[in-house]
Amino acid sequence: MAVLQAYAMVAIAGAWLWAFAQFWTFMVIELPKDLGPYSQMSSLSMFMHRAFPMRETNDIEFEYKFEHVLMLANVMLVLMMGWMPTRYELREKAEKLKKAAGKGKKK
């Protein structure tokens, strides 16, 4: 089951990067071409051009490798993991359960 979840996470990360690459290409390359030679880039296009530069491809396409997919999958996995409860939280939960059990017996 864990292997299946890992492959699913890699597939989701790959699909997200593919979709982001398509969006980046549209916003940074295609949209300014469609608007004409005297137009300015929109603020989102300029942000994407500056925040995600592709100097390796001379800004003609958004390129990523399998390592990028793995890194994104790992980051998404860490963000989705739950934090272990602290000793204080466990003690608080046990006290709430005791109070709830005590109220149930009194009725």
C-alpha atoms as a PDB file:
ATOM      1  CA  MET A   1       0.000   0.000   0.000  1.00  0.00           C
ATOM      2  CA  ALA A   2       2.839   2.415   0.852  1.00  0.00           C
ATOM      3  CA  VAL A   3       4.519   1.830  -2.522  1.00  0.00           C
ATOM      4  CA  LEU A   4       1.258   2.600  -4.289  1.00  0.00           C
ATOM      5  CA  GLN A   5       0.892   5.823  -2.294  1.00  0.00           C
ATOM      6  CA  ALA A   6       4.479   6.812  -3.131  1.00  0.00           C
ATOM      7  CA  TYR A   7       3.897   6.250  -6.852  1.00  0.00           C
ATOM      8  CA  ALA A   8       0.650   8.213  -6.634  1.00  0.00           C
ATOM      9  CA  MET A   9       2.464  11.119  -4.961  1.00  0.00           C
ATOM     10  CA  VAL A  10       5.133  11.123  -7.684  1.00  0.00           C
ATOM     11  CA  ALA A  11       2.403  11.031 -10.358  1.00  0.00           C
ATOM     12  CA  ILE A  12       0.564  13.949  -8.751  1.00  0.00           C
ATOM     13  CA  ALA A  13       3.802  15.960  -8.482  1.00  0.00           C
ATOM     14  CA  GLY A  14       4.616  15.204 -12.125  1.00  0.00           C
ATOM     15  CA  ALA A  15       1.142  16.236 -13.277  1.00  0.00           C
ATOM     16  CA  TRP A  16       1.350  19.451 -11.250  1.00  0.00           C
ATOM     17  CA  LEU A  17       4.746  20.356 -12.709  1.00  0.00           C
ATOM     18  CA  TRP A  18       3.498  19.602 -16.229  1.00  0.00           C
ATOM     19  CA  ALA A  19       0.466  21.856 -15.687  1.00  0.00           C
ATOM     20  CA  PHE A  20       2.663  24.574 -14.177  1.00  0.00           C
ATOM     21  CA  ALA A  21       5.018  24.350 -17.172  1.00  0.00           C
ATOM     22  CA  GLN A  22       2.087  24.799 -19.555  1.00  0.00           C
ATOM     23  CA  PHE A  23       0.800  27.788 -17.558  1.00  0.00           C
ATOM     24  CA  TRP A  24       4.283  29.347 -17.338  1.00  0.00           C
ATOM     25  CA  THR A  25       4.796  28.972 -21.086  1.00  0.00           C
ATOM     26  CA  PHE A  26       1.440  30.583 -21.776  1.00  0.00           C
ATOM     27  CA  MET A  27       1.908  33.487 -19.362  1.00  0.00           C
ATOM     28  CA  VAL A  28       5.560  34.268 -20.122  1.00  0.00           C
ATOM     29  CA  ILE A  29       5.905  33.350 -23.804  1.00  0.00           C
ATOM     30  CA  GLU A  30       2.543  33.086 -25.573  1.00  0.00           C
ATOM     31  CA  LEU A  31       0.492  35.837 -23.956  1.00  0.00           C
ATOM     32  CA  PRO A  32       2.980  38.660 -24.683  1.00  0.00           C
ATOM     33  CA  LYS A  33       3.214  37.404 -28.296  1.00  0.00           C
ATOM     34  CA  ASP A  34      -0.585  37.498 -28.640  1.00  0.00           C
ATOM     35  CA  LEU A  35      -0.863  40.992 -27.196  1.00  0.00           C
ATOM     36  CA  GLY A  36       1.421  42.458 -29.840  1.00  0.00           C
ATOM     37  CA  PRO A  37       4.828  44.105 -30.057  1.00  0.00           C
ATOM     38  CA  TYR A  38       3.941  47.310 -28.179  1.00  0.00           C
ATOM     39  CA  SER A  39       2.168  45.718 -25.240  1.00  0.00           C
ATOM     40  CA  GLN A  40       3.531  45.303 -21.766  1.00  0.00           C
ATOM     41  CA  MET A  41       3.585  42.062 -19.830  1.00  0.00           C
ATOM     42  CA  SER A  42       0.806  41.702 -17.300  1.00  0.00           C
ATOM     43  CA  SER A  43       1.803  41.792 -13.643  1.00  0.00           C
ATOM     44  CA  LEU A  44       1.326  38.021 -13.269  1.00  0.00           C
ATOM     45  CA  SER A  45       3.410  37.371 -16.388  1.00  0.00           C
ATOM     46  CA  MET A  46       6.179  39.613 -15.086  1.00  0.00           C
ATOM     47  CA  PHE A  47       6.059  37.925 -11.667  1.00  0.00           C
ATOM     48  CA  MET A  48       6.310  34.452 -13.197  1.00  0.00           C
ATOM     49  CA  HIS A  49       9.118  35.568 -15.490  1.00  0.00           C
ATOM     50  CA  ARG A  50      11.118  36.967 -12.557  1.00  0.00           C
ATOM     51  CA  ALA A  51      10.207  34.379  -9.894  1.00  0.00           C
ATOM     52  CA  PHE A  52      10.744  31.322 -12.097  1.00  0.00           C
ATOM     53  CA  PRO A  53      13.462  32.274 -14.605  1.00  0.00           C
ATOM     54  CA  MET A  54      14.518  29.685 -17.155  1.00  0.00           C
ATOM     55  CA  ARG A  55      17.992  30.875 -18.070  1.00  0.00           C
ATOM     56  CA  GLU A  56      18.973  27.343 -19.103  1.00  0.00           C
ATOM     57  CA  THR A  57      16.494  27.460 -21.987  1.00  0.00           C
ATOM     58  CA  ASN A  58      16.921  31.196 -22.654  1.00  0.00           C
ATOM     59  CA  ASP A  59      13.332  31.741 -21.460  1.00  0.00           C
ATOM     60  CA  ILE A  60      11.748  29.831 -24.319  1.00  0.00           C
ATOM     61  CA  GLU A  61      10.200  27.002 -22.267  1.00  0.00           C
ATOM     62  CA  PHE A  62       9.764  25.832 -18.689  1.00  0.00           C
ATOM     63  CA  GLU A  63      11.960  22.786 -18.206  1.00  0.00           C
ATOM     64  CA  TYR A  64      12.095  20.371 -15.278  1.00  0.00           C
ATOM     65  CA  LYS A  65      13.724  17.033 -14.582  1.00  0.00           C
ATOM     66  CA  PHE A  66      12.717  13.928 -12.677  1.00  0.00           C
ATOM     67  CA  GLU A  67      14.677  15.176  -9.654  1.00  0.00           C
ATOM     68  CA  HIS A  68      12.369  18.198  -9.520  1.00  0.00           C
ATOM     69  CA  VAL A  69       9.344  15.900  -9.531  1.00  0.00           C
ATOM     70  CA  LEU A  70      10.826  13.875  -6.658  1.00  0.00           C
ATOM     71  CA  MET A  71      11.622  17.019  -4.673  1.00  0.00           C
ATOM     72  CA  LEU A  72       8.099  18.349  -5.107  1.00  0.00           C
ATOM     73  CA  ALA A  73       6.642  14.972  -4.078  1.00  0.00           C
ATOM     74  CA  ASN A  74       8.794  14.963  -0.935  1.00  0.00           C
ATOM     75  CA  VAL A  75       7.824  18.524  -0.017  1.00  0.00           C
ATOM     76  CA  MET A  76       4.127  17.755  -0.532  1.00  0.00           C
ATOM     77  CA  LEU A  77       4.454  14.623   1.584  1.00  0.00           C
ATOM     78  CA  VAL A  78       6.106  16.474   4.456  1.00  0.00           C
ATOM     79  CA  LEU A  79       3.439  19.178   4.327  1.00  0.00           C
ATOM     80  CA  MET A  80       0.671  16.555   4.471  1.00  0.00           C
ATOM     81  CA  MET A  81       2.176  14.631   7.378  1.00  0.00           C
ATOM     82  CA  GLY A  82       0.627  15.143  10.791  1.00  0.00           C
ATOM     83  CA  TRP A  83       2.662  16.319  13.726  1.00  0.00           C
ATOM     84  CA  MET A  84       3.103  13.913  16.590  1.00  0.00           C
ATOM     85  CA  PRO A  85       1.094  15.064  19.618  1.00  0.00           C
ATOM     86  CA  THR A  86       3.139  16.418  22.491  1.00  0.00           C
ATOM     87  CA  ARG A  87       3.032  15.067  26.033  1.00  0.00           C
ATOM     88  CA  TYR A  88       0.870  18.015  27.058  1.00  0.00           C
ATOM     89  CA  GLU A  89      -1.645  17.348  24.258  1.00  0.00           C
ATOM     90  CA  LEU A  90      -1.838  13.660  25.156  1.00  0.00           C
ATOM     91  CA  ARG A  91      -2.401  14.515  28.839  1.00  0.00           C
ATOM     92  CA  GLU A  92      -5.074  17.065  27.904  1.00  0.00           C
ATOM     93  CA  LYS A  93      -6.860  14.531  25.700  1.00  0.00           C
ATOM     94  CA  ALA A  94      -6.802  11.925  28.490  1.00  0.00           C
ATOM     95  CA  GLU A  95      -8.275  14.445  30.954  1.00  0.00           C
ATOM     96  CA  LYS A  96     -11.082  15.297  28.519  1.00  0.00           C
ATOM     97  CA  LEU A  97     -11.856  11.606  28.081  1.00  0.00           C
ATOM     98  CA  LYS A  98     -11.952  11.137  31.875  1.00  0.00           C
ATOM     99  CA  LYS A  99     -14.329  14.091  32.248  1.00  0.00           C
ATOM    100  CA  ALA A 100     -16.556  12.777  29.480  1.00  0.00           C
ATOM    101  CA  ALA A 101     -16.619   9.308  31.076  1.00  0.00           C
ATOM    102  CA  GLY A 102     -17.374  10.852  34.487  1.00  0.00           C
ATOM    103  CA  LYS A 103     -20.304  12.841  33.116  1.00  0.00           C
ATOM    104  CA  GLY A 104     -21.654   9.753  31.347  1.00  0.00           C
ATOM    105  CA  LYS A 105     -21.697   7.762  34.623  1.00  0.00           C
ATOM    106  CA  LYS A 106     -23.443  10.513  36.627  1.00  0.00           C
ATOM    107  CA  LYS A 107     -26.476  10.542  34.324  1.00  0.00           C
END
